[in-house]
Structure formats: structure tokens, C-alpha cells
Amino acid sequence: MSSSSSYRQLFTLAGPWFVVIAFVARLPLAMAQLGSLLLVAGVTGSYGAGGLVAGAVAVANAVGAPLAGTLSDRTGQRRVLVVQSLVAAVGLTGLVVAADQGAGMPVLLAWAVVTGVALPQAGTLARVRWRLLAERAERPQLTGTAFALEGSVDEASFVIGPALVGVGAALVAPSGALLAAAALVVVFGLAFALHPTAELTRPDRSLPRAVGGPLLTPRLALLLTAMLGVGMVFGSVQTGNSVLATAAGEPGLTGGLHALLGVGSVLAGLLVPLLPARWAPDRRLLGFAASLLVLSAPLLLVDTLLPLAVVLLVLGLSIAPTMITIFTLAADAAPRPRLTTALTVLAGTTGVGYALGSSVAGRLADWGGHQPAYAVTVLAAGISTLAALAVLLTGARRPTTPGPSSTRQPQHQD
């Protein structure tokens, strides 16, 4: 089965508007982190302070997303998403007003936490819906294709989101970009909550409650570590880009530069369903993570914007395939009744990594400029590579047992 045929089958399951709504619903999360960094850095004159607030948004989202996932497993996604969308809009607006009024760091951090806790993980929740749609249609092989689509859509959101922030910051101000994010989360967050596919996530009360195994298995812990490294790549690269662009007198290019990281990532992610079945996911993860490490190393050598643009474009080729493979392996490792919780924990780990990478890179950038910030990127890629190696080694020692999503493997046969 070709990649285009698989994607066409996906669209028949949910309709084209589901893809559009789910895509736009995740833009506020992509906009909030860079927007808050630029907003606070502009007010305080410190990239460290901006990175701290942006990191607070990410960490709060990492904490809030699994809680929302657990509630969604118990009650369905609709009610949870309605509350999240409204509170997130209030949080984004409050952060802008507090910054414009010159509020201190405790107040800014408080609004960042409110925002981060509430911002919906639309991409992760969409993955759960795709899996349920595929199961209902008795086409489980489409789940893997759906995960590839969602991985690329996630990356596209982190292309368009920062680009929107960059344009808004250049034409108006970072505050305008965050207010736009607040409007988007109200309109499209609620549309995503009210879409008919949300009904699939409601637990069937007529069935006995399933009992899952422990959520944090050693294998899932390694996958979380690999995703932590990917998140650190995002946070540190974003900070390094901002520092280098500002030093070059082009701060408005920050969003566009970071968007380049996602261009190659989107294209590579869409091609993941074409990978041969004989390339096992464990080995695939190690290959993609190692490429992330190799392709990040040239960041240590860039001093001007044009070479940076080229390096970012090439580096992006390894991002989405790495994340898609992590999500696929995690879905296999997670207890079936707690799938939403497990995937939101995984997505939240990206936020923790972003916060860690952004904060450390921001403080190092205050000290030594863009190169120490990019050194954090290379270190983060190394963490993902080591975790991927451990996944491969421990997986080789595991007995082969059919998992809850093992039927997805035929997706890779063309």
C-alpha cells in the first residue's frame, strides 16, 4: 500500500475537517513558548528570564497534560477540552497584561503556569482518536500511518506557530502573537472538543472496568528519556536562534529560523509509512536518534544566519521520524486502558525537555552567546541517542509477545 493511499483512507475515517481542526487547535501551544520567551525577554532585557517563563509554560503543560489525559481516559475528551480551552485563553491574556504592566517574575511565572497547565495537547488526543477510528473500521494497520501523519502535523505546527510569533513580533509585538494564540485556542480548541470523533473517547460504562499494568515500565522510561532529549533540542535551538538573530540585528527572523527546523521534519515524517517492515522500530529509533546527534554538531560552527538556516533545514530531517518512532513504541508498551495517559505523559516530557533546554541554554547564552546554547542541543541529541541504544539492547532481551498494537506492523509493507 502506498503512502498516499494510506493517507486517503485516513481522511475517509474522520473527514477532512478533523485534520484541519486538530491542526489549528495545537498552534497555541506552539506559539505560547516562543511568544512568552520573546515577550518577557523584551520586557526584562534578559534571555534567561524569557527562557525561565517559557520553560514554566512547558513544564506546567508537561504536568497538566497527563492529568488531563487521565481525566480523558475516565470521562472522555470533550468535557476536559472545553475547560482547558477556556482556561488557556485566560492564561495567555493574563500573561500579556501582566508583562505590559511591568509585573514581577513571580506574577509572570504564575500566569505562565496557568497557561501551561491548561493548553490542550491536541496532537496527542488526536492520536488516541485515530486509533479508535481505525479499530472501529477494523483497519488497525492505519494506526501507524495516522501516527506518522500526526507527527508531521505536530512538526508543521511548530513551523507555523513560531513563524506566526515572529511575524507578529516584527509587525506588532510579541503580546499580539500571544493574544492571537488565545483567540485560536478558544475557537479551535472548542471545535476540537465538540467534533463528533470526541464521542469515541467516552468510556463504555456497560463494560467492566479494565485493569492496566504499571504505567512506568523500564522500556517506557527509556522512551521518555529519548523524548526528553528531543524536547531539549527544541528548547535550546530556539534560544540559540533568538540570540544569534538578535546579535545579527534581525530579531524578527527568530520564528522563521526555528520554523526551518520543521520544514525537513514535516517532509521526512510523512514518508515514515514507506519504511520497510524489516527495519524494526527499535533499530529505526537508534538510527534516527544518531542522525539527530550527527546533524546537530554543525550548530557549534555557525556564526551567521545563512549557514544556520541550512543547518536547521537539514537537522529537521531527523526530528519527526525520531518522535514518530518513539510514539509508536510507547503505544505498544503502554497498558491499553491507560493509553491516553501514557501518550500525554510522553508528550509532556517533550515540554519538560523544552523547559530544561530553553532554561539552560538561555543562561549560557547570557554568559557566552549562541554557541553555548547550541552546545546544549548537541548534548540533548546525545541523550536521545543513548536512550535509543538502551531501548534496542533491552528490547533484544525481551520475550516476543503480541502487544495491544502489534497489528499495526503491516502498515510498513508497500
Protein backbone atom coordinates (compact mmCIF):
# COMPACT_ATOMS: atom_id res chain seq x y z
CA MET A 1 0.00 0.00 0.00
CA SER A 2 1.40 3.41 -0.99
CA SER A 3 1.74 6.27 1.45
CA SER A 4 -0.77 8.44 -0.43
CA SER A 5 -3.34 5.62 -0.46
CA SER A 6 -2.94 5.13 3.29
CA TYR A 7 -3.45 8.83 3.93
CA ARG A 8 -6.56 8.90 1.74
CA GLN A 9 -8.02 6.07 3.79
CA LEU A 10 -7.36 8.04 6.96
CA PHE A 11 -9.31 11.03 5.71
CA THR A 12 -12.31 8.85 4.92
CA LEU A 13 -12.41 7.70 8.54
CA ALA A 14 -12.78 11.13 10.15
CA GLY A 15 -13.38 13.56 7.31
CA PRO A 16 -11.03 16.36 6.19
CA TRP A 17 -12.26 18.90 8.75
CA PHE A 18 -10.98 16.78 11.62
CA VAL A 19 -7.42 17.12 10.33
CA VAL A 20 -7.78 20.88 9.89
CA ILE A 21 -9.37 21.49 13.29
CA ALA A 22 -6.89 19.25 15.13
CA PHE A 23 -4.01 21.03 13.39
CA VAL A 24 -5.08 24.58 14.25
CA ALA A 25 -6.02 23.52 17.80
CA ARG A 26 -2.37 22.70 18.52
CA LEU A 27 -0.98 26.01 17.23
CA PRO A 28 -1.50 27.91 20.51
CA LEU A 29 0.87 25.52 22.31
CA ALA A 30 3.47 26.01 19.57
CA MET A 31 3.05 29.79 19.78
CA ALA A 32 2.97 30.13 23.56
CA GLN A 33 6.53 29.03 24.26
CA LEU A 34 8.38 31.25 21.80
CA GLY A 35 5.87 34.07 22.32
CA SER A 36 6.40 34.10 26.07
CA LEU A 37 10.18 33.94 25.63
CA LEU A 38 10.22 36.99 23.33
CA LEU A 39 7.66 38.86 25.42
CA VAL A 40 9.50 38.51 28.72
CA ALA A 41 12.97 38.90 27.21
CA GLY A 42 11.82 42.15 25.63
CA VAL A 43 10.38 43.46 28.89
CA THR A 44 13.26 42.40 31.17
CA GLY A 45 16.19 42.51 28.75
CA SER A 46 17.24 39.01 29.83
CA TYR A 47 17.10 35.84 27.76
CA GLY A 48 17.47 33.91 30.99
CA ALA A 49 14.23 35.43 32.31
CA GLY A 50 12.48 34.83 28.99
CA GLY A 51 13.65 31.23 28.92
CA LEU A 52 12.50 30.76 32.51
CA VAL A 53 8.95 31.91 31.75
CA ALA A 54 8.83 29.92 28.51
CA GLY A 55 10.12 26.93 30.44
CA ALA A 56 7.41 27.43 33.06
CA VAL A 57 4.79 27.20 30.32
CA ALA A 58 6.36 23.98 29.07
CA VAL A 59 6.82 22.37 32.49
CA ALA A 60 3.28 23.25 33.55
CA ASN A 61 2.00 21.73 30.33
CA ALA A 62 4.08 18.63 30.97
CA VAL A 63 2.41 18.30 34.38
CA GLY A 64 -1.08 19.26 33.24
CA ALA A 65 -1.21 17.11 30.10
CA PRO A 66 -1.01 13.72 31.89
CA LEU A 67 -3.65 14.87 34.39
CA ALA A 68 -5.90 15.86 31.51
CA GLY A 69 -5.09 12.54 29.85
CA THR A 70 -6.12 10.60 32.94
CA LEU A 71 -9.39 12.53 33.14
CA SER A 72 -9.95 11.86 29.43
CA ASP A 73 -9.43 8.13 29.97
CA ARG A 74 -12.11 8.25 32.68
CA THR A 75 -14.69 10.66 31.23
CA GLY A 76 -13.84 11.19 27.57
CA GLN A 77 -12.08 14.10 25.93
CA ARG A 78 -14.96 16.53 25.34
CA ARG A 79 -15.50 17.96 28.82
CA VAL A 80 -11.79 18.14 29.56
CA LEU A 81 -11.03 20.00 26.34
CA VAL A 82 -13.80 22.57 26.85
CA VAL A 83 -12.40 23.54 30.25
CA GLN A 84 -8.79 23.52 29.02
CA SER A 85 -9.53 25.75 26.04
CA LEU A 86 -11.27 28.44 28.09
CA VAL A 87 -8.70 28.49 30.90
CA ALA A 88 -5.77 28.56 28.46
CA ALA A 89 -7.21 31.65 26.75
CA VAL A 90 -7.49 33.38 30.12
CA GLY A 91 -3.91 32.40 31.00
CA LEU A 92 -2.44 33.73 27.74
CA THR A 93 -4.32 37.01 28.10
CA GLY A 94 -3.27 37.35 31.73
CA LEU A 95 0.40 36.81 30.84
CA VAL A 96 0.26 39.58 28.22
CA VAL A 97 -1.46 42.04 30.56
CA ALA A 98 0.97 41.29 33.40
CA ALA A 99 4.01 41.77 31.15
CA ASP A 100 2.66 45.02 29.69
CA GLN A 101 2.10 46.35 33.22
CA GLY A 102 5.65 45.52 34.27
CA ALA A 103 4.71 42.80 36.75
CA GLY A 104 7.48 40.97 38.57
CA MET A 105 8.74 37.48 37.80
CA PRO A 106 6.51 35.73 40.38
CA VAL A 107 3.40 37.10 38.69
CA LEU A 108 4.67 36.29 35.20
CA LEU A 109 5.55 32.77 36.28
CA ALA A 110 2.13 32.32 37.85
CA TRP A 111 0.36 33.23 34.62
CA ALA A 112 2.79 31.01 32.69
CA VAL A 113 1.84 28.08 34.91
CA VAL A 114 -1.89 28.69 34.43
CA THR A 115 -1.36 28.85 30.69
CA GLY A 116 0.79 25.76 30.50
CA VAL A 117 -1.45 23.59 32.66
CA ALA A 118 -4.47 24.40 30.53
CA LEU A 119 -3.10 24.37 26.97
CA PRO A 120 -4.51 21.23 25.29
CA GLN A 121 -2.24 18.56 23.83
CA ALA A 122 -4.40 18.33 20.72
CA GLY A 123 -1.91 16.23 18.80
CA THR A 124 -1.75 13.52 21.44
CA LEU A 125 -5.52 13.43 21.87
CA ALA A 126 -5.90 13.21 18.09
CA ARG A 127 -3.64 10.13 18.07
CA VAL A 128 -5.98 8.43 20.52
CA ARG A 129 -8.98 9.24 18.31
CA TRP A 130 -7.22 7.93 15.21
CA ARG A 131 -6.52 4.65 16.93
CA LEU A 132 -10.16 4.30 17.98
CA LEU A 133 -11.33 5.20 14.48
CA ALA A 134 -9.04 2.58 12.95
CA GLU A 135 -10.24 -0.06 15.41
CA ARG A 136 -13.89 0.76 14.73
CA ALA A 137 -13.29 0.49 10.98
CA GLU A 138 -11.36 -2.78 11.51
CA ARG A 139 -8.30 -1.27 9.83
CA PRO A 140 -5.72 -1.39 12.61
CA GLN A 141 -2.87 -1.10 10.11
CA LEU A 142 -3.86 2.54 9.58
CA THR A 143 -2.93 3.45 13.14
CA GLY A 144 0.75 3.63 12.25
CA THR A 145 0.01 5.81 9.24
CA ALA A 146 -2.08 8.06 11.48
CA PHE A 147 0.82 8.37 13.92
CA ALA A 148 3.10 9.37 11.03
CA LEU A 149 0.55 11.96 9.91
CA GLU A 150 0.20 13.36 13.43
CA GLY A 151 3.96 13.50 13.86
CA SER A 152 4.29 15.55 10.69
CA VAL A 153 1.32 17.74 11.64
CA ASP A 154 2.92 18.34 15.04
CA GLU A 155 6.07 19.46 13.30
CA ALA A 156 4.10 21.65 10.90
CA SER A 157 2.53 23.34 13.90
CA PHE A 158 5.99 24.09 15.23
CA VAL A 159 6.86 25.55 11.83
CA ILE A 160 3.79 27.76 11.54
CA GLY A 161 3.44 28.59 15.24
CA PRO A 162 6.89 30.18 15.69
CA ALA A 163 6.59 31.80 12.26
CA LEU A 164 3.34 33.44 13.33
CA VAL A 165 5.01 34.63 16.52
CA GLY A 166 7.96 36.00 14.56
CA VAL A 167 5.72 37.86 12.12
CA GLY A 168 3.56 39.16 14.96
CA ALA A 169 6.58 40.29 16.95
CA ALA A 170 8.04 42.10 13.91
CA LEU A 171 4.82 43.78 12.80
CA VAL A 172 3.11 44.40 16.15
CA ALA A 173 4.67 42.93 19.30
CA PRO A 174 5.05 39.52 20.99
CA SER A 175 1.95 40.39 23.00
CA GLY A 176 -0.09 40.46 19.79
CA ALA A 177 1.04 36.96 18.90
CA LEU A 178 0.04 35.63 22.32
CA LEU A 179 -3.39 37.28 22.09
CA ALA A 180 -3.83 35.64 18.69
CA ALA A 181 -2.97 32.31 20.33
CA ALA A 182 -5.65 32.97 22.94
CA ALA A 183 -8.23 33.53 20.20
CA LEU A 184 -7.18 30.36 18.38
CA VAL A 185 -7.43 28.18 21.48
CA VAL A 186 -10.96 29.40 22.16
CA VAL A 187 -12.25 28.88 18.62
CA PHE A 188 -10.42 25.75 17.53
CA GLY A 189 -9.94 24.20 20.95
CA LEU A 190 -13.69 24.20 21.41
CA ALA A 191 -14.22 22.98 17.83
CA PHE A 192 -11.86 20.06 18.52
CA ALA A 193 -13.73 19.31 21.75
CA LEU A 194 -17.11 19.32 20.02
CA HIS A 195 -16.07 17.31 16.94
CA PRO A 196 -18.03 14.03 16.65
CA THR A 197 -14.84 11.96 17.00
CA ALA A 198 -14.68 13.03 20.65
CA GLU A 199 -17.61 10.69 21.32
CA LEU A 200 -15.35 7.73 20.59
CA THR A 201 -13.28 8.54 23.69
CA ARG A 202 -16.18 8.17 26.11
CA PRO A 203 -15.72 5.02 28.22
CA ASP A 204 -18.31 2.31 27.69
CA ARG A 205 -19.99 2.11 31.11
CA SER A 206 -21.68 -1.17 30.19
CA LEU A 207 -18.33 -2.97 30.18
CA PRO A 208 -16.36 -3.95 33.28
CA ARG A 209 -13.56 -1.54 34.02
CA ALA A 210 -10.28 -2.81 32.57
CA VAL A 211 -7.27 -3.10 34.78
CA GLY A 212 -3.98 -1.99 33.29
CA GLY A 213 -0.47 -2.82 34.34
CA PRO A 214 2.04 -0.35 35.77
CA LEU A 215 2.33 2.74 33.63
CA LEU A 216 6.06 3.43 34.02
CA THR A 217 7.80 0.27 32.83
CA PRO A 218 11.58 0.30 32.25
CA ARG A 219 11.02 0.37 28.49
CA LEU A 220 8.63 3.31 28.69
CA ALA A 221 11.09 5.11 30.98
CA LEU A 222 13.78 4.82 28.31
CA LEU A 223 11.39 6.14 25.67
CA LEU A 224 10.57 9.06 27.94
CA THR A 225 14.29 9.78 28.25
CA ALA A 226 14.68 9.75 24.48
CA MET A 227 11.76 12.18 24.16
CA LEU A 228 13.25 14.37 26.89
CA GLY A 229 16.34 14.79 24.72
CA VAL A 230 14.23 15.74 21.70
CA GLY A 231 12.45 18.37 23.80
CA MET A 232 15.80 19.77 24.92
CA VAL A 233 16.80 20.07 21.27
CA PHE A 234 13.72 22.22 20.62
CA GLY A 235 14.26 24.48 23.62
CA SER A 236 17.98 25.02 23.17
CA VAL A 237 17.79 25.56 19.41
CA GLN A 238 15.01 28.10 19.85
CA THR A 239 17.08 30.03 22.37
CA GLY A 240 20.23 29.86 20.25
CA ASN A 241 18.33 31.05 17.19
CA SER A 242 16.93 34.01 19.10
CA VAL A 243 20.36 35.02 20.39
CA LEU A 244 22.08 34.75 17.01
CA ALA A 245 19.28 36.54 15.15
CA THR A 246 19.27 39.38 17.68
CA ALA A 247 23.06 39.71 17.51
CA ALA A 248 22.75 39.93 13.72
CA GLY A 249 20.23 42.76 14.08
CA GLU A 250 17.32 40.63 12.82
CA PRO A 251 15.31 39.56 15.89
CA GLY A 252 12.17 39.23 13.77
CA LEU A 253 13.74 36.28 11.95
CA THR A 254 13.79 34.16 15.11
CA GLY A 255 10.47 32.48 14.39
CA GLY A 256 11.34 31.89 10.75
CA LEU A 257 14.69 30.34 11.62
CA HIS A 258 13.13 27.96 14.10
CA ALA A 259 10.45 27.14 11.55
CA LEU A 260 13.15 25.84 9.20
CA LEU A 261 13.79 23.06 11.70
CA GLY A 262 10.30 21.78 10.99
CA VAL A 263 10.30 22.01 7.20
CA GLY A 264 12.52 18.99 6.66
CA SER A 265 10.93 17.32 9.64
CA VAL A 266 7.43 17.50 8.13
CA LEU A 267 8.58 16.02 4.82
CA ALA A 268 10.57 13.23 6.47
CA GLY A 269 7.71 12.39 8.82
CA LEU A 270 5.20 11.96 6.02
CA LEU A 271 7.47 9.34 4.43
CA VAL A 272 7.75 7.17 7.54
CA PRO A 273 4.93 4.79 6.43
CA LEU A 274 7.06 3.84 3.43
CA LEU A 275 9.84 2.42 5.58
CA PRO A 276 10.30 -1.34 5.09
CA ALA A 277 8.87 -3.65 7.74
CA ARG A 278 12.23 -5.41 8.11
CA TRP A 279 13.63 -2.24 9.70
CA ALA A 280 12.38 -2.90 13.21
CA PRO A 281 11.18 0.13 15.23
CA ASP A 282 13.89 -0.34 17.89
CA ARG A 283 16.65 -0.17 15.31
CA ARG A 284 14.89 2.63 13.50
CA LEU A 285 14.82 4.72 16.67
CA LEU A 286 18.55 4.32 17.17
CA GLY A 287 19.23 5.28 13.56
CA PHE A 288 17.11 8.42 13.71
CA ALA A 289 18.44 9.47 17.12
CA ALA A 290 22.03 9.00 15.97
CA SER A 291 21.31 11.14 12.91
CA LEU A 292 19.95 13.80 15.25
CA LEU A 293 23.28 13.83 17.06
CA VAL A 294 25.39 13.94 13.89
CA LEU A 295 23.30 16.64 12.22
CA SER A 296 23.22 18.87 15.31
CA ALA A 297 27.02 19.06 15.61
CA PRO A 298 27.45 21.73 12.85
CA LEU A 299 25.47 24.17 15.00
CA LEU A 300 28.64 24.61 17.03
CA LEU A 301 30.35 26.13 13.99
CA VAL A 302 27.75 28.63 12.74
CA ASP A 303 28.20 32.37 13.32
CA THR A 304 25.91 33.90 10.69
CA LEU A 305 22.28 33.42 9.69
CA LEU A 306 22.65 31.84 6.24
CA PRO A 307 24.73 28.82 7.36
CA LEU A 308 22.40 28.50 10.36
CA ALA A 309 19.39 28.28 8.04
CA VAL A 310 21.00 25.44 6.07
CA VAL A 311 21.96 23.50 9.20
CA LEU A 312 18.48 23.86 10.69
CA LEU A 313 16.81 22.69 7.49
CA VAL A 314 18.96 19.54 7.34
CA LEU A 315 18.73 18.87 11.08
CA GLY A 316 14.96 18.81 10.82
CA LEU A 317 15.07 15.66 8.69
CA SER A 318 15.72 13.60 11.83
CA ILE A 319 13.19 15.23 14.18
CA ALA A 320 9.76 13.91 13.16
CA PRO A 321 10.93 10.35 12.35
CA THR A 322 12.50 10.15 15.81
CA MET A 323 9.36 11.38 17.56
CA ILE A 324 7.01 9.22 15.46
CA THR A 325 9.03 6.11 16.29
CA ILE A 326 9.04 6.97 19.99
CA PHE A 327 5.26 7.39 19.98
CA THR A 328 4.78 4.12 18.11
CA LEU A 329 6.97 2.18 20.54
CA ALA A 330 5.28 3.85 23.52
CA ALA A 331 1.82 2.92 22.26
CA ASP A 332 2.98 -0.70 22.14
CA ALA A 333 4.50 -0.51 25.63
CA ALA A 334 1.60 1.28 27.34
CA PRO A 335 -1.23 -0.57 29.13
CA ARG A 336 -4.25 -0.37 26.81
CA PRO A 337 -6.71 1.15 29.34
CA ARG A 338 -4.23 3.94 30.07
CA LEU A 339 -3.19 4.78 26.52
CA THR A 340 -4.22 8.44 26.70
CA THR A 341 -2.39 8.90 29.98
CA ALA A 342 0.77 7.27 28.63
CA LEU A 343 0.83 9.31 25.42
CA THR A 344 0.16 12.57 27.23
CA VAL A 345 2.97 11.79 29.66
CA LEU A 346 5.21 11.24 26.64
CA ALA A 347 4.10 14.49 25.04
CA GLY A 348 4.52 16.27 28.35
CA THR A 349 8.07 15.00 28.55
CA THR A 350 8.79 16.96 25.39
CA GLY A 351 7.69 20.05 27.31
CA VAL A 352 9.95 19.22 30.23
CA GLY A 353 12.84 18.82 27.80
CA TYR A 354 11.97 22.10 26.14
CA ALA A 355 11.93 23.83 29.51
CA LEU A 356 15.25 22.31 30.53
CA GLY A 357 16.91 23.06 27.20
CA SER A 358 15.50 26.58 27.00
CA SER A 359 16.42 27.49 30.57
CA VAL A 360 19.97 26.10 30.49
CA ALA A 361 20.63 27.46 27.01
CA GLY A 362 19.25 30.86 28.00
CA ARG A 363 21.54 31.16 30.99
CA LEU A 364 24.55 30.01 28.99
CA ALA A 365 23.63 32.45 26.22
CA ASP A 366 23.59 35.33 28.72
CA TRP A 367 27.15 34.30 29.55
CA GLY A 368 28.64 33.33 26.19
CA GLY A 369 26.22 33.91 23.31
CA HIS A 370 24.73 31.44 20.85
CA GLN A 371 27.46 28.78 20.80
CA PRO A 372 27.00 27.59 24.40
CA ALA A 373 23.26 27.46 23.73
CA TYR A 374 23.81 25.19 20.73
CA ALA A 375 26.17 23.04 22.80
CA VAL A 376 23.09 22.14 24.86
CA THR A 377 21.46 20.99 21.61
CA VAL A 378 24.27 18.56 20.85
CA LEU A 379 24.22 17.25 24.43
CA ALA A 380 20.46 16.72 24.18
CA ALA A 381 20.82 14.75 20.96
CA GLY A 382 23.42 12.60 22.69
CA ILE A 383 20.94 11.84 25.49
CA SER A 384 18.34 10.69 22.96
CA THR A 385 20.90 8.51 21.20
CA LEU A 386 22.00 6.78 24.40
CA ALA A 387 18.37 6.18 25.40
CA ALA A 388 17.62 4.75 21.95
CA LEU A 389 20.60 2.41 22.25
CA ALA A 390 19.30 1.23 25.63
CA VAL A 391 15.84 0.64 24.10
CA LEU A 392 17.43 -1.52 21.41
CA LEU A 393 19.56 -3.51 23.86
CA THR A 394 16.77 -4.11 26.35
CA GLY A 395 14.30 -4.90 23.57
CA ALA A 396 16.61 -7.59 22.24
CA ARG A 397 16.41 -9.33 25.62
CA ARG A 398 12.62 -9.16 25.87
CA PRO A 399 10.49 -12.20 25.02
CA THR A 400 8.39 -11.59 21.93
CA THR A 401 4.75 -11.24 22.93
CA PRO A 402 1.91 -9.78 20.92
CA GLY A 403 1.19 -6.30 22.26
CA PRO A 404 -2.04 -4.38 22.06
CA SER A 405 -0.96 -2.59 18.93
CA SER A 406 1.14 -5.28 17.29
CA THR A 407 -1.34 -5.43 14.43
CA ARG A 408 -0.03 -2.10 13.24
CA GLN A 409 3.18 -3.53 11.85
CA PRO A 410 1.86 -4.40 8.36
CA GLN A 411 1.50 -0.66 7.70
CA HIS A 412 5.11 -0.57 6.52
CA GLN A 413 4.60 -3.04 3.71
CA ASP A 414 4.24 -1.30 0.39
